[in-house]
Protein backbone atom coordinates (compact mmCIF):
# COMPACT_ATOMS: atom_id res chain seq x y z
CA MET A 1 71.73 102.45 -4.10
CA PRO A 2 74.23 103.84 -6.15
CA GLU A 3 72.58 105.58 -9.23
CA LYS A 4 74.56 103.49 -12.13
CA VAL A 5 76.29 100.30 -11.64
CA LYS A 6 78.31 98.82 -15.14
CA LEU A 7 78.92 95.89 -16.21
CA ARG A 8 82.17 95.13 -15.53
CA ASP A 9 81.54 96.33 -12.04
CA LEU A 10 79.00 93.61 -11.63
CA LYS A 11 80.81 91.37 -12.71
CA ASN A 12 84.27 92.07 -10.99
CA MET A 13 82.04 92.13 -7.73
CA SER A 14 82.27 89.09 -5.05
CA ARG A 15 79.06 86.98 -5.41
CA GLU A 16 78.40 88.35 -2.03
CA ASP A 17 78.45 91.64 -3.20
CA ARG A 18 76.18 90.90 -5.90
CA LEU A 19 73.46 88.99 -3.70
CA ARG A 20 73.77 92.10 -1.43
CA LEU A 21 73.18 94.20 -4.11
CA LEU A 22 70.10 92.07 -4.93
CA ASN A 23 68.25 92.37 -1.91
CA ASP A 24 69.06 96.32 -2.01
CA LEU A 25 67.37 96.38 -5.40
CA ARG A 26 64.55 94.23 -4.93
CA SER A 27 63.74 95.91 -1.99
CA GLU A 28 63.82 99.40 -3.73
CA LEU A 29 61.63 97.71 -6.37
CA ILE A 30 59.03 97.03 -3.71
CA ARG A 31 59.07 100.18 -2.65
CA LEU A 32 58.85 101.85 -5.74
CA GLU A 33 55.83 99.92 -6.59
CA THR A 34 54.35 101.09 -3.71
CA GLN A 35 54.74 104.89 -4.72
CA ARG A 36 53.47 103.92 -7.91
CA GLY A 37 50.93 102.22 -6.50
CA ARG A 38 50.13 105.41 -4.11
CA GLY A 39 50.56 107.67 -7.49
CA VAL A 40 53.57 109.34 -6.21
CA VAL A 41 56.50 108.33 -8.06
CA ASP A 42 59.31 110.73 -7.63
CA ASN A 43 61.45 109.30 -10.93
CA PRO A 44 59.44 106.82 -13.15
CA GLY A 45 62.19 105.73 -15.10
CA ARG A 46 63.98 104.51 -11.98
CA MET A 47 61.89 101.11 -11.75
CA ARG A 48 63.19 99.97 -15.40
CA TYR A 49 66.82 100.66 -14.36
CA VAL A 50 66.13 98.66 -11.17
CA LYS A 51 64.32 95.98 -13.08
CA ARG A 52 66.86 95.46 -15.84
CA LEU A 53 69.71 95.74 -12.75
CA ILE A 54 68.07 93.23 -11.10
CA ALA A 55 68.34 90.92 -14.57
CA ARG A 56 71.48 91.63 -15.07
CA ILE A 57 72.86 90.47 -11.71
CA LEU A 58 70.81 87.10 -12.40
CA THR A 59 72.15 86.53 -15.55
CA ILE A 60 75.74 86.51 -13.74
CA GLU A 61 74.91 84.09 -11.18
CA HIS A 62 73.33 81.64 -13.91
CA GLU A 63 76.48 81.90 -16.04
CA ALA A 64 78.64 81.30 -12.74
CA GLU A 65 76.52 78.03 -12.56
CA LEU A 66 76.84 77.09 -15.43
CA MET A 67 80.40 77.61 -15.25
CA GLU A 68 80.69 75.63 -12.37
CA LEU A 69 78.76 72.65 -13.52
CA ARG A 70 80.80 72.24 -16.73
CA ASN A 71 84.06 72.11 -14.79
CA LYS A 72 82.24 69.82 -12.47
CA ILE A 73 81.44 67.75 -15.57
CA ASN A 74 84.94 67.68 -17.16
CA GLU A 75 86.17 66.85 -14.35
CA LEU A 76 84.49 63.81 -14.65
CA VAL A 77 84.50 63.26 -18.00
CA LYS A 78 88.62 63.83 -17.31
CA LYS A 79 88.34 60.92 -14.59
CA GLY A 80 86.52 58.39 -17.31
CA LEU A 81 83.36 58.43 -16.20
CA THR A 82 80.37 57.55 -18.81
CA LEU A 83 77.60 59.74 -19.03
CA ASP A 84 75.24 57.68 -17.57
CA LYS A 85 77.04 57.64 -14.41
CA ILE A 86 77.78 61.49 -14.56
CA SER A 87 74.07 62.20 -15.01
CA MET A 88 73.24 59.79 -11.85
CA GLN A 89 76.08 61.55 -9.90
CA LEU A 90 75.05 65.04 -10.55
CA GLY A 91 70.80 64.54 -11.10
CA ILE A 92 71.37 65.72 -14.45
CA GLU A 93 69.97 64.76 -17.41
CA LYS A 94 72.18 63.08 -19.93
CA THR A 95 70.89 65.74 -22.72
CA ILE A 96 71.71 68.30 -20.70
CA ILE A 97 74.92 66.99 -20.33
CA LYS A 98 75.53 66.65 -23.79
CA LYS A 99 74.27 70.46 -24.27
CA LEU A 100 77.00 71.95 -21.40
CA LEU A 101 79.87 69.96 -22.97
CA ARG A 102 78.83 71.02 -26.37
CA THR A 103 79.05 74.90 -25.49
CA ALA A 104 82.00 74.63 -23.36
CA LYS A 105 83.72 73.41 -26.71
CA THR A 106 82.34 76.02 -28.98
CA ALA A 107 82.95 78.70 -26.75
CA ALA A 108 86.66 77.38 -26.18
CA THR A 109 87.45 77.51 -30.01
CA PRO A 110 87.98 80.97 -30.87
CA ALA A 111 86.14 82.56 -34.30
CA LYS A 112 87.38 82.41 -37.74
């Protein structure tokens, strides 16, 4: 297992590498929890680090999924589909689509 993984490195990794690292970290966390149950933990701070790294990876994956969904919605809006049709096609509520479109607009405009 790598000792320190930076956020920049996680974002630059391919999705497959991130998921492989996630599986490795989850198995390491199980191993560390087993050690803690026995009372022989080599490095107790490692558990906290592994949990946080898992959370970072999951956050990056979630952001990527949202970005992909925003792109799909924007393509459908450009084609002239209404929110009702987009909602039915993607299986997402209209309120969520509106929220995604709103956050995409605010992210695109620079702060003053």
